[in-house]
Amino acid sequence: MLLDAGKPISHVYFPETAVVSLVVPIDKRKCVEVAIVGKEGIVGLPVALDDHHQLLAIAQIPGRLFRVETDPFPLTHQFLAQMLGVRRPTVSDAAARLQLDGLISYKRGWITIRDRGQLEKRACSCYQVLSQEMSRLLQ
């Protein structure tokens, strides 16, 4: 059980090999499945919108899921380059500098954050704006 209907959402999950069923409780004994989430989706997204949800999220097919603040997590240089709209060598150079400074470790598409505080200090000012907005939404 990843989410329980009517209870606060504590984490957002990113299925990698697991498959999660989203179900709506009809009564104390019956539920209806309304969606299935696999590696293309996110479980717990209502946490960013409000704190009300009536879904149960159950891992129906066992496998790996990643959640916010999980170390390490998969992220390739190529995917980062696409997200940021820069060339892959630019990402590789930046990742190498961050690794040399001890802020991250990186190996074969897996990143581990080693010093989140220093990493946040090096981020552009937009990170602080987004972080404050997320905190406001989670209150």
N, C-alpha and C. Protein backbone atom coordinates (compact mmCIF):
# COMPACT_ATOMS: atom_id res chain seq x y z
N MET A 1 0.85 -1.18 0.00
CA MET A 1 0.00 0.00 0.00
C MET A 1 0.89 1.24 0.00
N LEU A 2 0.79 2.03 -1.06
CA LEU A 2 1.58 3.24 -1.16
C LEU A 2 0.81 4.47 -0.71
N LEU A 3 -0.47 4.53 -1.07
CA LEU A 3 -1.34 5.63 -0.64
C LEU A 3 -2.60 5.03 -0.05
N ASP A 4 -3.11 5.68 0.98
CA ASP A 4 -4.36 5.25 1.59
C ASP A 4 -5.37 6.39 1.46
N ALA A 5 -6.58 6.06 1.01
CA ALA A 5 -7.61 7.07 0.76
C ALA A 5 -7.86 7.94 1.98
N GLY A 6 -7.88 9.24 1.76
CA GLY A 6 -8.20 10.18 2.83
C GLY A 6 -7.05 10.50 3.76
N LYS A 7 -5.92 9.82 3.64
CA LYS A 7 -4.76 10.09 4.50
C LYS A 7 -3.74 10.94 3.76
N PRO A 8 -2.95 11.71 4.49
CA PRO A 8 -1.96 12.58 3.83
C PRO A 8 -0.99 11.78 2.97
N ILE A 9 -0.58 12.37 1.88
CA ILE A 9 0.42 11.76 0.99
C ILE A 9 1.80 12.16 1.52
N SER A 10 2.59 11.16 1.89
CA SER A 10 3.91 11.45 2.46
C SER A 10 5.02 11.43 1.43
N HIS A 11 4.83 10.69 0.33
CA HIS A 11 5.86 10.57 -0.69
C HIS A 11 5.24 10.48 -2.08
N VAL A 12 6.01 10.87 -3.05
CA VAL A 12 5.65 10.68 -4.45
C VAL A 12 6.52 9.54 -4.95
N TYR A 13 5.93 8.60 -5.70
CA TYR A 13 6.64 7.42 -6.15
C TYR A 13 6.78 7.40 -7.66
N PHE A 14 7.93 6.93 -8.12
CA PHE A 14 8.22 6.78 -9.54
C PHE A 14 8.49 5.31 -9.80
N PRO A 15 7.50 4.58 -10.32
CA PRO A 15 7.72 3.15 -10.58
C PRO A 15 8.79 2.96 -11.66
N GLU A 16 9.66 2.00 -11.42
CA GLU A 16 10.64 1.64 -12.44
C GLU A 16 10.28 0.29 -13.05
N THR A 17 10.11 -0.72 -12.20
CA THR A 17 9.69 -2.03 -12.70
C THR A 17 8.37 -2.48 -12.08
N ALA A 18 7.93 -1.80 -11.04
CA ALA A 18 6.65 -2.14 -10.40
C ALA A 18 5.49 -1.59 -11.21
N VAL A 19 4.32 -2.16 -11.00
CA VAL A 19 3.09 -1.63 -11.58
C VAL A 19 2.13 -1.38 -10.42
N VAL A 20 1.58 -0.16 -10.37
CA VAL A 20 0.74 0.27 -9.27
C VAL A 20 -0.70 0.45 -9.74
N SER A 21 -1.62 -0.10 -9.01
CA SER A 21 -3.05 0.08 -9.29
C SER A 21 -3.58 1.22 -8.45
N LEU A 22 -4.30 2.13 -9.09
CA LEU A 22 -5.00 3.19 -8.38
C LEU A 22 -6.46 2.77 -8.31
N VAL A 23 -6.98 2.65 -7.09
CA VAL A 23 -8.34 2.17 -6.91
C VAL A 23 -9.14 3.13 -6.05
N VAL A 24 -10.43 3.15 -6.28
CA VAL A 24 -11.35 3.98 -5.52
C VAL A 24 -12.19 3.04 -4.64
N PRO A 25 -12.18 3.27 -3.31
CA PRO A 25 -13.02 2.45 -2.45
C PRO A 25 -14.50 2.77 -2.66
N ILE A 26 -15.31 1.74 -2.86
CA ILE A 26 -16.75 1.92 -3.02
C ILE A 26 -17.43 1.83 -1.65
N ASP A 27 -17.06 0.82 -0.91
CA ASP A 27 -17.49 0.67 0.47
C ASP A 27 -16.37 -0.04 1.21
N LYS A 28 -16.63 -0.55 2.41
CA LYS A 28 -15.55 -1.16 3.19
C LYS A 28 -15.00 -2.45 2.59
N ARG A 29 -15.74 -3.05 1.66
CA ARG A 29 -15.31 -4.33 1.10
C ARG A 29 -15.00 -4.29 -0.40
N LYS A 30 -15.40 -3.25 -1.08
CA LYS A 30 -15.25 -3.21 -2.54
C LYS A 30 -14.44 -1.99 -2.99
N CYS A 31 -13.64 -2.22 -4.02
CA CYS A 31 -12.87 -1.15 -4.66
C CYS A 31 -12.97 -1.34 -6.17
N VAL A 32 -12.80 -0.24 -6.89
CA VAL A 32 -12.79 -0.29 -8.34
C VAL A 32 -11.48 0.32 -8.82
N GLU A 33 -10.77 -0.43 -9.67
CA GLU A 33 -9.53 0.08 -10.23
C GLU A 33 -9.86 1.13 -11.30
N VAL A 34 -9.19 2.29 -11.19
CA VAL A 34 -9.45 3.37 -12.15
C VAL A 34 -8.25 3.68 -13.03
N ALA A 35 -7.07 3.20 -12.63
CA ALA A 35 -5.87 3.45 -13.43
C ALA A 35 -4.76 2.49 -13.02
N ILE A 36 -3.81 2.34 -13.93
CA ILE A 36 -2.59 1.58 -13.66
C ILE A 36 -1.42 2.49 -13.98
N VAL A 37 -0.42 2.51 -13.10
CA VAL A 37 0.75 3.36 -13.30
C VAL A 37 1.99 2.48 -13.37
N GLY A 38 2.76 2.67 -14.43
CA GLY A 38 4.02 1.95 -14.60
C GLY A 38 5.16 2.94 -14.69
N LYS A 39 6.21 2.55 -15.40
CA LYS A 39 7.41 3.36 -15.44
C LYS A 39 7.23 4.72 -16.12
N GLU A 40 6.11 4.91 -16.79
CA GLU A 40 5.86 6.20 -17.44
C GLU A 40 5.20 7.21 -16.52
N GLY A 41 4.82 6.80 -15.31
CA GLY A 41 3.99 7.67 -14.50
C GLY A 41 4.53 7.99 -13.11
N ILE A 42 3.68 8.67 -12.37
CA ILE A 42 3.97 9.11 -11.01
C ILE A 42 2.79 8.74 -10.13
N VAL A 43 3.08 8.22 -8.94
CA VAL A 43 2.05 7.91 -7.95
C VAL A 43 2.17 8.92 -6.81
N GLY A 44 1.07 9.59 -6.49
CA GLY A 44 1.07 10.57 -5.40
C GLY A 44 1.10 11.99 -5.88
N LEU A 45 0.87 12.22 -7.16
CA LEU A 45 0.93 13.57 -7.71
C LEU A 45 -0.04 14.54 -7.06
N PRO A 46 -1.21 14.11 -6.54
CA PRO A 46 -2.08 15.09 -5.88
C PRO A 46 -1.41 15.86 -4.75
N VAL A 47 -0.29 15.38 -4.23
CA VAL A 47 0.42 16.11 -3.18
C VAL A 47 0.81 17.50 -3.65
N ALA A 48 1.04 17.67 -4.94
CA ALA A 48 1.42 18.98 -5.49
C ALA A 48 0.22 19.88 -5.73
N LEU A 49 -0.98 19.31 -5.72
CA LEU A 49 -2.17 20.09 -6.02
C LEU A 49 -2.95 20.45 -4.76
N ASP A 50 -3.17 19.47 -3.92
CA ASP A 50 -3.84 19.71 -2.64
C ASP A 50 -3.61 18.49 -1.78
N ASP A 51 -4.19 18.46 -0.59
CA ASP A 51 -3.95 17.33 0.29
C ASP A 51 -5.15 16.40 0.39
N HIS A 52 -6.09 16.50 -0.55
CA HIS A 52 -7.28 15.65 -0.54
C HIS A 52 -7.20 14.64 -1.67
N HIS A 53 -7.36 13.39 -1.34
CA HIS A 53 -7.40 12.36 -2.36
C HIS A 53 -8.22 11.20 -1.83
N GLN A 54 -8.86 10.51 -2.71
CA GLN A 54 -9.71 9.39 -2.31
C GLN A 54 -9.27 8.09 -2.95
N LEU A 55 -8.02 8.02 -3.37
CA LEU A 55 -7.51 6.83 -4.03
C LEU A 55 -6.68 5.98 -3.09
N LEU A 56 -6.67 4.70 -3.37
CA LEU A 56 -5.70 3.78 -2.79
C LEU A 56 -4.68 3.51 -3.89
N ALA A 57 -3.43 3.42 -3.54
CA ALA A 57 -2.40 3.04 -4.51
C ALA A 57 -1.73 1.79 -3.98
N ILE A 58 -1.85 0.72 -4.76
CA ILE A 58 -1.36 -0.59 -4.32
C ILE A 58 -0.41 -1.12 -5.38
N ALA A 59 0.77 -1.53 -4.97
CA ALA A 59 1.72 -2.14 -5.90
C ALA A 59 1.22 -3.54 -6.24
N GLN A 60 0.61 -3.69 -7.41
CA GLN A 60 0.04 -4.97 -7.82
C GLN A 60 1.10 -5.92 -8.37
N ILE A 61 2.05 -5.38 -9.09
CA ILE A 61 3.15 -6.18 -9.61
C ILE A 61 4.41 -5.69 -8.91
N PRO A 62 5.04 -6.55 -8.12
CA PRO A 62 6.21 -6.12 -7.36
C PRO A 62 7.34 -5.65 -8.26
N GLY A 63 8.12 -4.77 -7.75
CA GLY A 63 9.27 -4.26 -8.48
C GLY A 63 9.84 -3.05 -7.77
N ARG A 64 10.70 -2.32 -8.46
CA ARG A 64 11.34 -1.15 -7.86
C ARG A 64 10.51 0.10 -8.08
N LEU A 65 10.49 0.92 -7.03
CA LEU A 65 9.89 2.26 -7.10
C LEU A 65 10.90 3.20 -6.45
N PHE A 66 11.00 4.40 -6.98
CA PHE A 66 11.83 5.42 -6.36
C PHE A 66 10.90 6.46 -5.77
N ARG A 67 11.30 7.04 -4.65
CA ARG A 67 10.49 8.09 -4.05
C ARG A 67 11.38 9.29 -3.75
N VAL A 68 10.77 10.47 -3.54
CA VAL A 68 11.47 11.72 -3.26
C VAL A 68 12.48 11.50 -2.15
N GLU A 69 13.72 11.97 -2.36
CA GLU A 69 14.83 11.84 -1.43
C GLU A 69 15.37 10.42 -1.33
N THR A 70 15.22 9.60 -2.35
CA THR A 70 15.81 8.27 -2.38
C THR A 70 17.17 8.36 -3.04
N ASP A 71 18.16 7.72 -2.47
CA ASP A 71 19.50 7.68 -3.06
C ASP A 71 19.87 6.25 -3.33
N PRO A 72 20.54 5.95 -4.39
CA PRO A 72 20.73 6.75 -5.59
C PRO A 72 19.51 6.68 -6.50
N PHE A 73 19.50 7.47 -7.56
CA PHE A 73 18.39 7.42 -8.49
C PHE A 73 18.93 7.44 -9.92
N PRO A 74 18.18 6.84 -10.86
CA PRO A 74 18.68 6.77 -12.23
C PRO A 74 18.46 8.09 -12.98
N LEU A 75 19.52 8.56 -13.63
CA LEU A 75 19.43 9.78 -14.42
C LEU A 75 20.65 9.84 -15.34
N THR A 76 20.42 9.77 -16.63
CA THR A 76 21.54 9.77 -17.58
C THR A 76 21.89 11.20 -18.00
N HIS A 77 23.12 11.36 -18.46
CA HIS A 77 23.56 12.67 -18.97
C HIS A 77 22.69 13.08 -20.16
N GLN A 78 22.37 12.12 -21.02
CA GLN A 78 21.56 12.42 -22.19
C GLN A 78 20.18 12.95 -21.80
N PHE A 79 19.54 12.30 -20.82
CA PHE A 79 18.22 12.74 -20.40
C PHE A 79 18.29 14.13 -19.75
N LEU A 80 19.31 14.36 -18.92
CA LEU A 80 19.49 15.69 -18.32
C LEU A 80 19.69 16.76 -19.39
N ALA A 81 20.48 16.44 -20.40
CA ALA A 81 20.71 17.39 -21.49
C ALA A 81 19.40 17.74 -22.19
N GLN A 82 18.56 16.73 -22.44
CA GLN A 82 17.26 16.99 -23.07
C GLN A 82 16.38 17.84 -22.17
N MET A 83 16.36 17.55 -20.87
CA MET A 83 15.53 18.33 -19.95
C MET A 83 15.96 19.79 -19.89
N LEU A 84 17.27 20.02 -19.94
CA LEU A 84 17.81 21.37 -19.79
C LEU A 84 17.99 22.11 -21.11
N GLY A 85 17.86 21.40 -22.21
CA GLY A 85 18.03 22.03 -23.52
C GLY A 85 19.47 22.41 -23.82
N VAL A 86 20.40 21.56 -23.35
CA VAL A 86 21.83 21.80 -23.60
C VAL A 86 22.43 20.55 -24.23
N ARG A 87 23.69 20.66 -24.65
CA ARG A 87 24.37 19.51 -25.23
C ARG A 87 24.84 18.57 -24.12
N ARG A 88 24.94 17.27 -24.45
CA ARG A 88 25.34 16.27 -23.47
C ARG A 88 26.72 16.57 -22.85
N PRO A 89 27.72 17.02 -23.63
CA PRO A 89 29.02 17.33 -23.02
C PRO A 89 28.94 18.42 -21.94
N THR A 90 28.01 19.35 -22.08
CA THR A 90 27.82 20.39 -21.07
C THR A 90 27.39 19.76 -19.75
N VAL A 91 26.47 18.81 -19.81
CA VAL A 91 26.02 18.11 -18.61
C VAL A 91 27.15 17.29 -18.02
N SER A 92 27.91 16.61 -18.88
CA SER A 92 29.03 15.79 -18.40
C SER A 92 30.06 16.64 -17.67
N ASP A 93 30.38 17.82 -18.21
CA ASP A 93 31.34 18.72 -17.56
C ASP A 93 30.82 19.18 -16.20
N ALA A 94 29.56 19.59 -16.16
CA ALA A 94 28.98 20.06 -14.89
C ALA A 94 28.93 18.93 -13.87
N ALA A 95 28.53 17.74 -14.28
CA ALA A 95 28.46 16.60 -13.36
C ALA A 95 29.85 16.25 -12.83
N ALA A 96 30.86 16.34 -13.68
CA ALA A 96 32.23 16.05 -13.25
C ALA A 96 32.69 17.05 -12.19
N ARG A 97 32.36 18.33 -12.39
CA ARG A 97 32.74 19.36 -11.39
C ARG A 97 32.03 19.11 -10.06
N LEU A 98 30.73 18.79 -10.13
CA LEU A 98 29.97 18.53 -8.90
C LEU A 98 30.50 17.29 -8.18
N GLN A 99 30.91 16.31 -8.95
CA GLN A 99 31.46 15.09 -8.33
C GLN A 99 32.82 15.38 -7.70
N LEU A 100 33.68 16.13 -8.39
CA LEU A 100 34.99 16.48 -7.83
C LEU A 100 34.85 17.27 -6.53
N ASP A 101 33.82 18.10 -6.45
CA ASP A 101 33.59 18.91 -5.25
C ASP A 101 32.86 18.14 -4.15
N GLY A 102 32.52 16.88 -4.40
CA GLY A 102 31.90 16.05 -3.38
C GLY A 102 30.40 16.27 -3.19
N LEU A 103 29.75 16.94 -4.14
CA LEU A 103 28.33 17.21 -3.99
C LEU A 103 27.46 16.06 -4.50
N ILE A 104 27.96 15.34 -5.50
CA ILE A 104 27.25 14.18 -6.04
C ILE A 104 28.27 13.08 -6.31
N SER A 105 27.77 11.87 -6.46
CA SER A 105 28.58 10.81 -7.08
C SER A 105 27.77 10.30 -8.25
N TYR A 106 28.47 9.87 -9.28
CA TYR A 106 27.80 9.51 -10.53
C TYR A 106 28.49 8.30 -11.12
N LYS A 107 27.68 7.29 -11.46
CA LYS A 107 28.25 6.11 -12.09
C LYS A 107 27.21 5.43 -12.96
N ARG A 108 27.51 5.33 -14.25
CA ARG A 108 26.69 4.59 -15.21
C ARG A 108 25.20 4.90 -15.12
N GLY A 109 24.84 6.16 -15.18
CA GLY A 109 23.44 6.56 -15.20
C GLY A 109 22.77 6.63 -13.84
N TRP A 110 23.53 6.49 -12.77
CA TRP A 110 22.98 6.58 -11.41
C TRP A 110 23.66 7.72 -10.66
N ILE A 111 22.85 8.60 -10.07
CA ILE A 111 23.36 9.74 -9.32
C ILE A 111 22.98 9.57 -7.85
N THR A 112 23.93 9.91 -6.98
CA THR A 112 23.67 9.97 -5.54
C THR A 112 24.03 11.38 -5.09
N ILE A 113 23.11 12.03 -4.42
CA ILE A 113 23.39 13.37 -3.88
C ILE A 113 24.14 13.19 -2.57
N ARG A 114 25.32 13.78 -2.48
CA ARG A 114 26.17 13.66 -1.29
C ARG A 114 26.06 14.85 -0.34
N ASP A 115 25.81 16.04 -0.89
CA ASP A 115 25.71 17.25 -0.06
C ASP A 115 24.61 18.14 -0.63
N ARG A 116 23.37 17.86 -0.20
CA ARG A 116 22.22 18.57 -0.74
C ARG A 116 22.29 20.07 -0.47
N GLY A 117 22.71 20.46 0.72
CA GLY A 117 22.78 21.88 1.06
C GLY A 117 23.68 22.66 0.13
N GLN A 118 24.88 22.14 -0.13
CA GLN A 118 25.81 22.82 -1.04
C GLN A 118 25.31 22.78 -2.47
N LEU A 119 24.65 21.69 -2.84
CA LEU A 119 24.08 21.60 -4.18
C LEU A 119 23.00 22.66 -4.38
N GLU A 120 22.15 22.85 -3.37
CA GLU A 120 21.11 23.88 -3.44
C GLU A 120 21.72 25.27 -3.53
N LYS A 121 22.82 25.52 -2.82
CA LYS A 121 23.47 26.83 -2.87
C LYS A 121 24.02 27.14 -4.25
N ARG A 122 24.43 26.11 -4.98
CA ARG A 122 24.97 26.31 -6.33
C ARG A 122 23.89 26.42 -7.40
N ALA A 123 22.67 26.05 -7.05
CA ALA A 123 21.58 26.11 -8.03
C ALA A 123 21.23 27.57 -8.33
N CYS A 124 20.59 27.78 -9.47
CA CYS A 124 20.17 29.14 -9.81
C CYS A 124 19.04 29.58 -8.87
N SER A 125 18.73 30.86 -8.89
CA SER A 125 17.70 31.40 -7.99
C SER A 125 16.33 30.80 -8.25
N CYS A 126 16.10 30.26 -9.44
CA CYS A 126 14.80 29.66 -9.74
C CYS A 126 14.53 28.45 -8.83
N TYR A 127 15.59 27.75 -8.40
CA TYR A 127 15.39 26.60 -7.51
C TYR A 127 14.73 27.04 -6.21
N GLN A 128 15.19 28.13 -5.64
CA GLN A 128 14.62 28.62 -4.37
C GLN A 128 13.16 29.02 -4.56
N VAL A 129 12.85 29.66 -5.67
CA VAL A 129 11.47 30.06 -5.95
C VAL A 129 10.57 28.82 -6.03
N LEU A 130 11.01 27.81 -6.79
CA LEU A 130 10.23 26.58 -6.93
C LEU A 130 10.12 25.83 -5.61
N SER A 131 11.19 25.81 -4.84
CA SER A 131 11.18 25.13 -3.54
C SER A 131 10.20 25.79 -2.58
N GLN A 132 10.19 27.11 -2.56
CA GLN A 132 9.25 27.82 -1.69
C GLN A 132 7.81 27.59 -2.13
N GLU A 133 7.56 27.54 -3.43
CA GLU A 133 6.21 27.30 -3.92
C GLU A 133 5.74 25.89 -3.57
N MET A 134 6.64 24.90 -3.68
CA MET A 134 6.29 23.53 -3.31
C MET A 134 6.00 23.46 -1.81
N SER A 135 6.77 24.12 -0.99
CA SER A 135 6.52 24.13 0.45
C SER A 135 5.17 24.75 0.75
N ARG A 136 4.83 25.82 0.05
CA ARG A 136 3.53 26.47 0.25
C ARG A 136 2.40 25.51 -0.11
N LEU A 137 2.54 24.80 -1.22
CA LEU A 137 1.49 23.87 -1.64
C LEU A 137 1.35 22.69 -0.69
N LEU A 138 2.43 22.30 -0.04
CA LEU A 138 2.39 21.15 0.87
C LEU A 138 1.89 21.50 2.26
N GLN A 139 1.72 22.78 2.56
CA GLN A 139 1.26 23.18 3.89
C GLN A 139 -0.23 23.00 4.04
